[in-house]
Amino acid sequence: MSNRIQGTTGLIGLIGDPLKHSRSPHMHNSAFDKLGLDYVYLCFEVPKGELKSGIEALKTFSAKGSNITFPHKQDVLKYLDDISEDAKIIGSVNTIKIDSKTKKITGYNTDGRGFIASLDELNIPFRKQKVVLVGVGGAGRAIAIQLAYEGVGELCIKELNKDLANEVKETINKYISNVKVKILADDEKSLKEELKDACLLVNATPLGMKGRENLCAISGPEVLHKDLFVYDIVYDPRETLLMKYAKEAGCKTTNGINMMIWQGAIAFKIWFDVDMPQDYVRQELFEK
């Protein structure tokens, strides 16, 4: 970020705890620099239980908006004046916009929309197709509901927490018609069977991420088939054990970099009604 903060500089925030790992400031501040927008994106570590004070502070400082992350994505709902339809169904918000005049807050969820945008960008067919999703906690919940919202034919969910899995299934059945949702058993045999006629396998768990590199949602490449596209939303490391197994099986793969950038770009568009320079941001974050 260039040394450009001045008295006129506007504020965008990120509220969560912890935040030291976040790439969001680099992403958005790079975009501000490229487009010449007089804004700065800053992290505010707000402990659980103190969210109300954090939201009020954003209003006081005339922030244009903020991203909301763990552990506040559900708690923030009580402080909203309005909410997008998909965020209401998902039941969590990761982006807010604050009206400069009324100070009213509108909530959005860009996780699921970012995932779908990345699928479309990569020309991965999923509409009216069968998708297997591992993990529906956190971003996985948004992905599950957005897949249903966008017209997936059948959604098979593998989730250790069966109460959570069934709650997601019930939510989809309540709000979205013509989508078959199936909860898988925990054994790998069931997973392999469902993958036989699936077009896409998505890992939305932390398995494989930095510090958990040796963990994987499957035991080996024999679970997969070459016509399957494997999408791991983990982006650090860039190639997870799941992706390595998938390549051994002849599958096409991608990591979570595109999803991360797309969800940020959608938030950027919400705040400024301007497209984020995604190619530039990707280069700044991952290719330098």
C-alpha atoms as a PDB file:
ATOM      1  CA  MET A   1       0.000   0.000   0.000  1.00  0.00           C
ATOM      2  CA  SER A   2       1.393   3.392  -0.949  1.00  0.00           C
ATOM      3  CA  ASN A   3       1.787   6.178   1.608  1.00  0.00           C
ATOM      4  CA  ARG A   4      -1.404   7.990   0.634  1.00  0.00           C
ATOM      5  CA  ILE A   5      -3.612   8.184   3.751  1.00  0.00           C
ATOM      6  CA  GLN A   6      -4.805  11.743   4.327  1.00  0.00           C
ATOM      7  CA  GLY A   7      -7.620  13.690   5.952  1.00  0.00           C
ATOM      8  CA  THR A   8     -10.086  12.832   3.190  1.00  0.00           C
ATOM      9  CA  THR A   9      -9.390   9.089   3.166  1.00  0.00           C
ATOM     10  CA  GLY A  10     -12.476   6.911   3.609  1.00  0.00           C
ATOM     11  CA  LEU A  11     -12.619   3.711   5.649  1.00  0.00           C
ATOM     12  CA  ILE A  12     -13.499   0.095   4.919  1.00  0.00           C
ATOM     13  CA  GLY A  13     -13.042  -2.379   7.765  1.00  0.00           C
ATOM     14  CA  LEU A  14     -12.653  -6.044   8.551  1.00  0.00           C
ATOM     15  CA  ILE A  15     -14.157  -7.146  11.864  1.00  0.00           C
ATOM     16  CA  GLY A  16     -13.247 -10.504  13.365  1.00  0.00           C
ATOM     17  CA  ASP A  17     -10.901 -12.264  15.770  1.00  0.00           C
ATOM     18  CA  PRO A  18      -8.149 -13.257  15.045  1.00  0.00           C
ATOM     19  CA  LEU A  19      -7.199 -11.345  11.893  1.00  0.00           C
ATOM     20  CA  LYS A  20      -3.402 -11.416  11.630  1.00  0.00           C
ATOM     21  CA  HIS A  21      -3.606 -14.095   8.908  1.00  0.00           C
ATOM     22  CA  SER A  22      -6.010 -12.146   6.675  1.00  0.00           C
ATOM     23  CA  ARG A  23      -5.088 -11.303   3.079  1.00  0.00           C
ATOM     24  CA  SER A  24      -8.108  -9.015   2.696  1.00  0.00           C
ATOM     25  CA  PRO A  25      -6.259  -5.758   3.522  1.00  0.00           C
ATOM     26  CA  HIS A  26      -3.626  -6.495   0.865  1.00  0.00           C
ATOM     27  CA  MET A  27      -6.321  -7.380  -1.667  1.00  0.00           C
ATOM     28  CA  HIS A  28      -8.513  -4.317  -1.185  1.00  0.00           C
ATOM     29  CA  ASN A  29      -5.742  -1.772  -0.620  1.00  0.00           C
ATOM     30  CA  SER A  30      -4.056  -2.988  -3.826  1.00  0.00           C
ATOM     31  CA  ALA A  31      -7.339  -2.391  -5.654  1.00  0.00           C
ATOM     32  CA  PHE A  32      -7.688   1.089  -4.120  1.00  0.00           C
ATOM     33  CA  ASP A  33      -4.163   1.970  -5.282  1.00  0.00           C
ATOM     34  CA  LYS A  34      -4.757   0.666  -8.793  1.00  0.00           C
ATOM     35  CA  LEU A  35      -8.054   2.544  -9.213  1.00  0.00           C
ATOM     36  CA  GLY A  36      -6.974   5.692  -7.368  1.00  0.00           C
ATOM     37  CA  LEU A  37      -9.735   5.387  -4.762  1.00  0.00           C
ATOM     38  CA  ASP A  38      -9.146   7.472  -1.637  1.00  0.00           C
ATOM     39  CA  TYR A  39      -9.914   4.657   0.807  1.00  0.00           C
ATOM     40  CA  VAL A  40      -8.053   2.420   3.215  1.00  0.00           C
ATOM     41  CA  TYR A  41      -8.975  -1.107   4.350  1.00  0.00           C
ATOM     42  CA  LEU A  42      -8.080  -1.849   7.973  1.00  0.00           C
ATOM     43  CA  CYS A  43      -8.429  -4.824  10.327  1.00  0.00           C
ATOM     44  CA  PHE A  44     -10.242  -4.434  13.642  1.00  0.00           C
ATOM     45  CA  GLU A  45      -9.881  -7.387  16.006  1.00  0.00           C
ATOM     46  CA  VAL A  46     -13.169  -7.379  17.899  1.00  0.00           C
ATOM     47  CA  PRO A  47     -13.591 -10.190  20.463  1.00  0.00           C
ATOM     48  CA  LYS A  48     -16.794 -12.197  20.637  1.00  0.00           C
ATOM     49  CA  GLY A  49     -19.335 -10.339  22.765  1.00  0.00           C
ATOM     50  CA  GLU A  50     -18.121  -6.885  21.718  1.00  0.00           C
ATOM     51  CA  LEU A  51     -19.498  -6.768  18.185  1.00  0.00           C
ATOM     52  CA  LYS A  52     -22.085  -4.077  18.959  1.00  0.00           C
ATOM     53  CA  SER A  53     -19.325  -1.662  19.978  1.00  0.00           C
ATOM     54  CA  GLY A  54     -17.398  -2.508  16.814  1.00  0.00           C
ATOM     55  CA  ILE A  55     -20.399  -1.818  14.583  1.00  0.00           C
ATOM     56  CA  GLU A  56     -21.151   1.457  16.365  1.00  0.00           C
ATOM     57  CA  ALA A  57     -17.511   2.495  15.926  1.00  0.00           C
ATOM     58  CA  LEU A  58     -17.737   1.931  12.172  1.00  0.00           C
ATOM     59  CA  LYS A  59     -20.780   4.211  12.064  1.00  0.00           C
ATOM     60  CA  THR A  60     -19.061   6.852  14.181  1.00  0.00           C
ATOM     61  CA  PHE A  61     -16.023   6.848  11.888  1.00  0.00           C
ATOM     62  CA  SER A  62     -18.275   7.103   8.788  1.00  0.00           C
ATOM     63  CA  ALA A  63     -17.008   3.818   7.355  1.00  0.00           C
ATOM     64  CA  LYS A  64     -18.504   2.909   3.989  1.00  0.00           C
ATOM     65  CA  GLY A  65     -18.726  -0.725   5.007  1.00  0.00           C
ATOM     66  CA  SER A  66     -16.896  -3.725   6.361  1.00  0.00           C
ATOM     67  CA  ASN A  67     -16.227  -7.381   5.912  1.00  0.00           C
ATOM     68  CA  ILE A  68     -17.340  -9.563   8.812  1.00  0.00           C
ATOM     69  CA  THR A  69     -15.559 -12.794   9.624  1.00  0.00           C
ATOM     70  CA  PHE A  70     -15.210 -15.384  12.400  1.00  0.00           C
ATOM     71  CA  PRO A  71     -16.686 -15.337  15.032  1.00  0.00           C
ATOM     72  CA  HIS A  72     -19.273 -12.692  14.086  1.00  0.00           C
ATOM     73  CA  LYS A  73     -20.958 -13.866  10.851  1.00  0.00           C
ATOM     74  CA  GLN A  74     -24.166 -14.894  12.636  1.00  0.00           C
ATOM     75  CA  ASP A  75     -24.099 -12.402  15.512  1.00  0.00           C
ATOM     76  CA  VAL A  76     -24.009  -9.446  13.113  1.00  0.00           C
ATOM     77  CA  LEU A  77     -27.542 -10.271  11.907  1.00  0.00           C
ATOM     78  CA  LYS A  78     -29.093  -8.567  14.938  1.00  0.00           C
ATOM     79  CA  TYR A  79     -27.482  -5.227  14.015  1.00  0.00           C
ATOM     80  CA  LEU A  80     -28.721  -5.092  10.410  1.00  0.00           C
ATOM     81  CA  ASP A  81     -31.483  -2.888   9.031  1.00  0.00           C
ATOM     82  CA  ASP A  82     -31.761  -4.937   5.844  1.00  0.00           C
ATOM     83  CA  ILE A  83     -30.321  -8.160   4.426  1.00  0.00           C
ATOM     84  CA  SER A  84     -29.971  -9.643   0.949  1.00  0.00           C
ATOM     85  CA  GLU A  85     -32.216 -12.583   0.098  1.00  0.00           C
ATOM     86  CA  ASP A  86     -29.396 -15.112  -0.239  1.00  0.00           C
ATOM     87  CA  ALA A  87     -27.727 -13.983   3.010  1.00  0.00           C
ATOM     88  CA  LYS A  88     -31.059 -14.362   4.806  1.00  0.00           C
ATOM     89  CA  ILE A  89     -31.368 -17.951   3.597  1.00  0.00           C
ATOM     90  CA  ILE A  90     -27.719 -18.721   4.388  1.00  0.00           C
ATOM     91  CA  GLY A  91     -28.153 -17.243   7.859  1.00  0.00           C
ATOM     92  CA  SER A  92     -24.834 -15.432   7.975  1.00  0.00           C
ATOM     93  CA  VAL A  93     -23.296 -12.219   6.671  1.00  0.00           C
ATOM     94  CA  ASN A  94     -19.703 -11.492   5.689  1.00  0.00           C
ATOM     95  CA  THR A  95     -20.164  -8.037   4.150  1.00  0.00           C
ATOM     96  CA  ILE A  96     -22.016  -4.942   5.328  1.00  0.00           C
ATOM     97  CA  LYS A  97     -22.646  -1.601   3.649  1.00  0.00           C
ATOM     98  CA  ILE A  98     -23.407   1.492   5.730  1.00  0.00           C
ATOM     99  CA  ASP A  99     -25.546   4.242   4.212  1.00  0.00           C
ATOM    100  CA  SER A 100     -23.614   7.503   4.543  1.00  0.00           C
ATOM    101  CA  LYS A 101     -26.740   9.557   5.317  1.00  0.00           C
ATOM    102  CA  THR A 102     -29.042   7.287   7.319  1.00  0.00           C
ATOM    103  CA  LYS A 103     -26.321   5.025   8.817  1.00  0.00           C
ATOM    104  CA  LYS A 104     -28.575   2.060   8.058  1.00  0.00           C
ATOM    105  CA  ILE A 105     -26.723  -1.216   7.571  1.00  0.00           C
ATOM    106  CA  THR A 106     -27.409  -3.785   4.849  1.00  0.00           C
ATOM    107  CA  GLY A 107     -25.895  -7.260   5.110  1.00  0.00           C
ATOM    108  CA  TYR A 108     -24.697  -9.553   2.326  1.00  0.00           C
ATOM    109  CA  ASN A 109     -22.953 -12.901   2.001  1.00  0.00           C
ATOM    110  CA  THR A 110     -20.358 -13.053  -0.783  1.00  0.00           C
ATOM    111  CA  ASP A 111     -18.860 -16.478   0.064  1.00  0.00           C
ATOM    112  CA  GLY A 112     -21.367 -18.538  -1.901  1.00  0.00           C
ATOM    113  CA  ARG A 113     -21.627 -16.002  -4.715  1.00  0.00           C
ATOM    114  CA  GLY A 114     -17.833 -15.880  -4.963  1.00  0.00           C
ATOM    115  CA  PHE A 115     -17.708 -19.652  -5.232  1.00  0.00           C
ATOM    116  CA  ILE A 116     -20.324 -19.712  -8.004  1.00  0.00           C
ATOM    117  CA  ALA A 117     -18.562 -16.896  -9.888  1.00  0.00           C
ATOM    118  CA  SER A 118     -15.313 -18.860  -9.772  1.00  0.00           C
ATOM    119  CA  LEU A 119     -17.080 -21.963 -11.157  1.00  0.00           C
ATOM    120  CA  ASP A 120     -18.497 -19.922 -14.021  1.00  0.00           C
ATOM    121  CA  GLU A 121     -15.121 -18.294 -14.700  1.00  0.00           C
ATOM    122  CA  LEU A 122     -13.508 -21.740 -14.959  1.00  0.00           C
ATOM    123  CA  ASN A 123     -16.407 -23.050 -17.109  1.00  0.00           C
ATOM    124  CA  ILE A 124     -17.152 -25.831 -14.631  1.00  0.00           C
ATOM    125  CA  PRO A 125     -20.626 -27.236 -15.375  1.00  0.00           C
ATOM    126  CA  PHE A 126     -22.716 -27.789 -12.257  1.00  0.00           C
ATOM    127  CA  ARG A 127     -26.245 -26.592 -12.991  1.00  0.00           C
ATOM    128  CA  LYS A 128     -28.652 -29.554 -13.230  1.00  0.00           C
ATOM    129  CA  GLN A 129     -25.681 -31.770 -12.351  1.00  0.00           C
ATOM    130  CA  LYS A 130     -24.723 -33.783  -9.273  1.00  0.00           C
ATOM    131  CA  VAL A 131     -22.285 -32.177  -6.830  1.00  0.00           C
ATOM    132  CA  VAL A 132     -20.676 -33.730  -3.752  1.00  0.00           C
ATOM    133  CA  LEU A 133     -19.777 -31.253  -1.001  1.00  0.00           C
ATOM    134  CA  VAL A 134     -17.586 -32.157   1.972  1.00  0.00           C
ATOM    135  CA  GLY A 135     -18.234 -29.827   4.912  1.00  0.00           C
ATOM    136  CA  VAL A 136     -21.125 -27.400   5.468  1.00  0.00           C
ATOM    137  CA  GLY A 137     -19.735 -25.387   8.362  1.00  0.00           C
ATOM    138  CA  GLY A 138     -18.537 -21.826   7.753  1.00  0.00           C
ATOM    139  CA  ALA A 139     -18.154 -21.085   4.045  1.00  0.00           C
ATOM    140  CA  GLY A 140     -19.418 -24.597   3.251  1.00  0.00           C
ATOM    141  CA  ARG A 141     -22.916 -23.635   4.361  1.00  0.00           C
ATOM    142  CA  ALA A 142     -22.941 -20.650   2.014  1.00  0.00           C
ATOM    143  CA  ILE A 143     -21.597 -22.824  -0.808  1.00  0.00           C
ATOM    144  CA  ALA A 144     -24.282 -25.482  -0.255  1.00  0.00           C
ATOM    145  CA  ILE A 145     -27.150 -23.012  -0.283  1.00  0.00           C
ATOM    146  CA  GLN A 146     -25.766 -21.009  -3.206  1.00  0.00           C
ATOM    147  CA  LEU A 147     -25.317 -24.196  -5.258  1.00  0.00           C
ATOM    148  CA  ALA A 148     -28.969 -25.027  -4.613  1.00  0.00           C
ATOM    149  CA  TYR A 149     -29.993 -21.439  -5.362  1.00  0.00           C
ATOM    150  CA  GLU A 150     -28.129 -21.596  -8.697  1.00  0.00           C
ATOM    151  CA  GLY A 151     -29.842 -24.781  -9.855  1.00  0.00           C
ATOM    152  CA  VAL A 152     -27.634 -27.749  -9.023  1.00  0.00           C
ATOM    153  CA  GLY A 153     -29.485 -30.974  -9.855  1.00  0.00           C
ATOM    154  CA  GLU A 154     -28.487 -33.013  -6.815  1.00  0.00           C
ATOM    155  CA  LEU A 155     -26.407 -32.032  -3.806  1.00  0.00           C
ATOM    156  CA  CYS A 156     -24.754 -34.746  -1.708  1.00  0.00           C
ATOM    157  CA  ILE A 157     -23.397 -33.527   1.619  1.00  0.00           C
ATOM    158  CA  LYS A 158     -20.732 -35.282   3.662  1.00  0.00           C
ATOM    159  CA  GLU A 159     -20.528 -33.716   7.126  1.00  0.00           C
ATOM    160  CA  LEU A 160     -19.518 -35.268  10.457  1.00  0.00           C
ATOM    161  CA  ASN A 161     -21.966 -33.016  12.313  1.00  0.00           C
ATOM    162  CA  LYS A 162     -25.245 -34.587  11.198  1.00  0.00           C
ATOM    163  CA  ASP A 163     -27.365 -31.994  13.031  1.00  0.00           C
ATOM    164  CA  LEU A 164     -25.653 -29.279  11.008  1.00  0.00           C
ATOM    165  CA  ALA A 165     -25.997 -31.245   7.772  1.00  0.00           C
ATOM    166  CA  ASN A 166     -29.710 -31.843   8.340  1.00  0.00           C
ATOM    167  CA  GLU A 167     -30.280 -28.190   9.238  1.00  0.00           C
ATOM    168  CA  VAL A 168     -28.686 -27.127   5.937  1.00  0.00           C
ATOM    169  CA  LYS A 169     -30.816 -29.694   4.085  1.00  0.00           C
ATOM    170  CA  GLU A 170     -33.993 -28.419   5.780  1.00  0.00           C
ATOM    171  CA  THR A 171     -33.093 -24.814   4.935  1.00  0.00           C
ATOM    172  CA  ILE A 172     -32.609 -25.672   1.267  1.00  0.00           C
ATOM    173  CA  ASN A 173     -35.872 -27.634   1.152  1.00  0.00           C
ATOM    174  CA  LYS A 174     -37.723 -24.734   2.803  1.00  0.00           C
ATOM    175  CA  TYR A 175     -36.552 -21.963   0.487  1.00  0.00           C
ATOM    176  CA  ILE A 176     -35.464 -23.618  -2.763  1.00  0.00           C
ATOM    177  CA  SER A 177     -37.521 -26.060  -4.836  1.00  0.00           C
ATOM    178  CA  ASN A 178     -36.471 -28.774  -7.288  1.00  0.00           C
ATOM    179  CA  VAL A 179     -33.155 -29.598  -5.598  1.00  0.00           C
ATOM    180  CA  LYS A 180     -32.487 -33.080  -4.281  1.00  0.00           C
ATOM    181  CA  VAL A 181     -30.317 -33.000  -1.138  1.00  0.00           C
ATOM    182  CA  LYS A 182     -28.778 -36.145   0.298  1.00  0.00           C
ATOM    183  CA  ILE A 183     -26.793 -36.557   3.529  1.00  0.00           C
ATOM    184  CA  LEU A 184     -24.035 -39.139   3.181  1.00  0.00           C
ATOM    185  CA  ALA A 185     -22.895 -41.645   5.776  1.00  0.00           C
ATOM    186  CA  ASP A 186     -19.418 -41.145   7.226  1.00  0.00           C
ATOM    187  CA  ASP A 187     -17.847 -44.170   5.513  1.00  0.00           C
ATOM    188  CA  GLU A 188     -15.769 -43.638   2.381  1.00  0.00           C
ATOM    189  CA  LYS A 189     -17.646 -46.359   0.498  1.00  0.00           C
ATOM    190  CA  SER A 190     -20.753 -44.141   0.424  1.00  0.00           C
ATOM    191  CA  LEU A 191     -18.689 -41.188  -0.796  1.00  0.00           C
ATOM    192  CA  LYS A 192     -17.082 -43.213  -3.596  1.00  0.00           C
ATOM    193  CA  GLU A 193     -20.477 -44.522  -4.708  1.00  0.00           C
ATOM    194  CA  GLU A 194     -21.988 -41.024  -4.950  1.00  0.00           C
ATOM    195  CA  LEU A 195     -18.940 -39.697  -6.804  1.00  0.00           C
ATOM    196  CA  LYS A 196     -19.424 -42.190  -9.647  1.00  0.00           C
ATOM    197  CA  ASP A 197     -21.974 -39.992 -11.439  1.00  0.00           C
ATOM    198  CA  ALA A 198     -21.013 -36.624  -9.923  1.00  0.00           C
ATOM    199  CA  CYS A 199     -19.435 -33.836 -11.967  1.00  0.00           C
ATOM    200  CA  LEU A 200     -17.886 -31.914  -9.071  1.00  0.00           C
ATOM    201  CA  LEU A 201     -16.328 -32.657  -5.676  1.00  0.00           C
ATOM    202  CA  VAL A 202     -15.857 -29.707  -3.325  1.00  0.00           C
ATOM    203  CA  ASN A 203     -13.811 -29.692  -0.134  1.00  0.00           C
ATOM    204  CA  ALA A 204     -15.107 -26.929   2.152  1.00  0.00           C
ATOM    205  CA  THR A 205     -13.324 -28.179   5.289  1.00  0.00           C
ATOM    206  CA  PRO A 206      -9.976 -27.003   6.727  1.00  0.00           C
ATOM    207  CA  LEU A 207      -8.425 -30.388   5.858  1.00  0.00           C
ATOM    208  CA  GLY A 208      -5.233 -29.805   3.878  1.00  0.00           C
ATOM    209  CA  MET A 209      -4.705 -26.184   4.864  1.00  0.00           C
ATOM    210  CA  LYS A 210      -1.411 -24.868   6.249  1.00  0.00           C
ATOM    211  CA  GLY A 211      -0.665 -26.740   9.467  1.00  0.00           C
ATOM    212  CA  ARG A 212      -2.912 -29.619   8.352  1.00  0.00           C
ATOM    213  CA  GLU A 213      -1.175 -30.479   5.084  1.00  0.00           C
ATOM    214  CA  ASN A 214      -1.226 -34.237   5.721  1.00  0.00           C
ATOM    215  CA  LEU A 215      -5.003 -34.349   6.258  1.00  0.00           C
ATOM    216  CA  CYS A 216      -7.430 -35.058   3.442  1.00  0.00           C
ATOM    217  CA  ALA A 217     -11.145 -35.637   2.871  1.00  0.00           C
ATOM    218  CA  ILE A 218     -10.357 -38.890   1.018  1.00  0.00           C
ATOM    219  CA  SER A 219      -7.885 -41.739   1.572  1.00  0.00           C
ATOM    220  CA  GLY A 220      -6.435 -41.811  -1.938  1.00  0.00           C
ATOM    221  CA  PRO A 221      -6.935 -41.315  -5.701  1.00  0.00           C
ATOM    222  CA  GLU A 222      -8.910 -44.548  -6.098  1.00  0.00           C
ATOM    223  CA  VAL A 223     -11.973 -42.803  -4.619  1.00  0.00           C
ATOM    224  CA  LEU A 224     -12.110 -40.459  -7.638  1.00  0.00           C
ATOM    225  CA  HIS A 225     -12.645 -40.785 -11.400  1.00  0.00           C
ATOM    226  CA  LYS A 226     -11.064 -38.869 -14.271  1.00  0.00           C
ATOM    227  CA  ASP A 227     -14.259 -37.059 -15.334  1.00  0.00           C
ATOM    228  CA  LEU A 228     -14.628 -35.423 -11.919  1.00  0.00           C
ATOM    229  CA  PHE A 229     -13.629 -31.805 -11.276  1.00  0.00           C
ATOM    230  CA  VAL A 230     -12.123 -31.406  -7.798  1.00  0.00           C
ATOM    231  CA  TYR A 231     -12.394 -27.994  -6.109  1.00  0.00           C
ATOM    232  CA  ASP A 232     -10.568 -27.419  -2.818  1.00  0.00           C
ATOM    233  CA  ILE A 233     -11.448 -24.048  -1.278  1.00  0.00           C
ATOM    234  CA  VAL A 234      -8.158 -24.129   0.676  1.00  0.00           C
ATOM    235  CA  TYR A 235      -5.633 -21.745  -0.940  1.00  0.00           C
ATOM    236  CA  ASP A 236      -2.621 -22.115   1.366  1.00  0.00           C
ATOM    237  CA  PRO A 237      -0.884 -24.337   0.354  1.00  0.00           C
ATOM    238  CA  ARG A 238      -1.797 -23.841  -3.284  1.00  0.00           C
ATOM    239  CA  GLU A 239      -1.810 -27.590  -3.900  1.00  0.00           C
ATOM    240  CA  THR A 240      -3.398 -29.685  -1.161  1.00  0.00           C
ATOM    241  CA  LEU A 241      -3.164 -33.424  -0.669  1.00  0.00           C
ATOM    242  CA  LEU A 242      -6.681 -33.732  -2.114  1.00  0.00           C
ATOM    243  CA  MET A 243      -5.558 -31.938  -5.268  1.00  0.00           C
ATOM    244  CA  LYS A 244      -2.519 -34.220  -5.567  1.00  0.00           C
ATOM    245  CA  TYR A 245      -4.730 -37.304  -5.290  1.00  0.00           C
ATOM    246  CA  ALA A 246      -7.114 -35.793  -7.840  1.00  0.00           C
ATOM    247  CA  LYS A 247      -4.324 -35.210 -10.351  1.00  0.00           C
ATOM    248  CA  GLU A 248      -3.173 -38.808  -9.877  1.00  0.00           C
ATOM    249  CA  ALA A 249      -6.713 -39.889 -10.753  1.00  0.00           C
ATOM    250  CA  GLY A 250      -6.683 -37.725 -13.893  1.00  0.00           C
ATOM    251  CA  CYS A 251      -9.073 -35.076 -12.541  1.00  0.00           C
ATOM    252  CA  LYS A 252      -8.982 -31.372 -13.264  1.00  0.00           C
ATOM    253  CA  THR A 253      -8.485 -29.332 -10.075  1.00  0.00           C
ATOM    254  CA  THR A 254      -8.468 -25.852  -8.627  1.00  0.00           C
ATOM    255  CA  ASN A 255      -7.741 -24.305  -5.241  1.00  0.00           C
ATOM    256  CA  GLY A 256      -9.543 -21.536  -3.357  1.00  0.00           C
ATOM    257  CA  ILE A 257      -7.642 -18.545  -4.747  1.00  0.00           C
ATOM    258  CA  ASN A 258     -10.298 -17.678  -7.340  1.00  0.00           C
ATOM    259  CA  MET A 259     -13.097 -17.999  -4.788  1.00  0.00           C
ATOM    260  CA  MET A 260     -11.247 -15.744  -2.347  1.00  0.00           C
ATOM    261  CA  ILE A 261     -10.681 -13.059  -4.970  1.00  0.00           C
ATOM    262  CA  TRP A 262     -14.235 -13.299  -6.331  1.00  0.00           C
ATOM    263  CA  GLN A 263     -15.881 -12.980  -2.909  1.00  0.00           C
ATOM    264  CA  GLY A 264     -13.721  -9.901  -2.316  1.00  0.00           C
ATOM    265  CA  ALA A 265     -14.583  -8.519  -5.745  1.00  0.00           C
ATOM    266  CA  ILE A 266     -18.309  -8.912  -5.094  1.00  0.00           C
ATOM    267  CA  ALA A 267     -17.957  -7.047  -1.784  1.00  0.00           C
ATOM    268  CA  PHE A 268     -15.942  -4.349  -3.587  1.00  0.00           C
ATOM    269  CA  LYS A 269     -18.760  -3.954  -6.134  1.00  0.00           C
ATOM    270  CA  ILE A 270     -21.327  -3.688  -3.308  1.00  0.00           C
ATOM    271  CA  TRP A 271     -19.388  -0.853  -1.664  1.00  0.00           C
ATOM    272  CA  PHE A 272     -18.290   1.140  -4.718  1.00  0.00           C
ATOM    273  CA  ASP A 273     -20.350  -0.075  -7.701  1.00  0.00           C
ATOM    274  CA  VAL A 274     -17.001  -0.477  -9.469  1.00  0.00           C
ATOM    275  CA  ASP A 275     -15.329  -3.686 -10.637  1.00  0.00           C
ATOM    276  CA  MET A 276     -12.252  -4.776  -8.718  1.00  0.00           C
ATOM    277  CA  PRO A 277      -9.168  -5.138 -10.989  1.00  0.00           C
ATOM    278  CA  GLN A 278      -8.963  -8.868 -10.314  1.00  0.00           C
ATOM    279  CA  ASP A 279      -5.983  -9.727 -12.517  1.00  0.00           C
ATOM    280  CA  TYR A 280      -3.929  -7.000 -10.864  1.00  0.00           C
ATOM    281  CA  VAL A 281      -5.015  -8.056  -7.374  1.00  0.00           C
ATOM    282  CA  ARG A 282      -4.223 -11.723  -8.082  1.00  0.00           C
ATOM    283  CA  GLN A 283      -0.740 -10.741  -9.235  1.00  0.00           C
ATOM    284  CA  GLU A 284      -0.188  -8.576  -6.147  1.00  0.00           C
ATOM    285  CA  LEU A 285      -1.305 -11.322  -3.764  1.00  0.00           C
ATOM    286  CA  PHE A 286       0.074 -14.489  -5.281  1.00  0.00           C
ATOM    287  CA  GLU A 287       2.517 -13.879  -8.131  1.00  0.00           C
ATOM    288  CA  LYS A 288       5.051 -11.404  -6.785  1.00  0.00           C
END
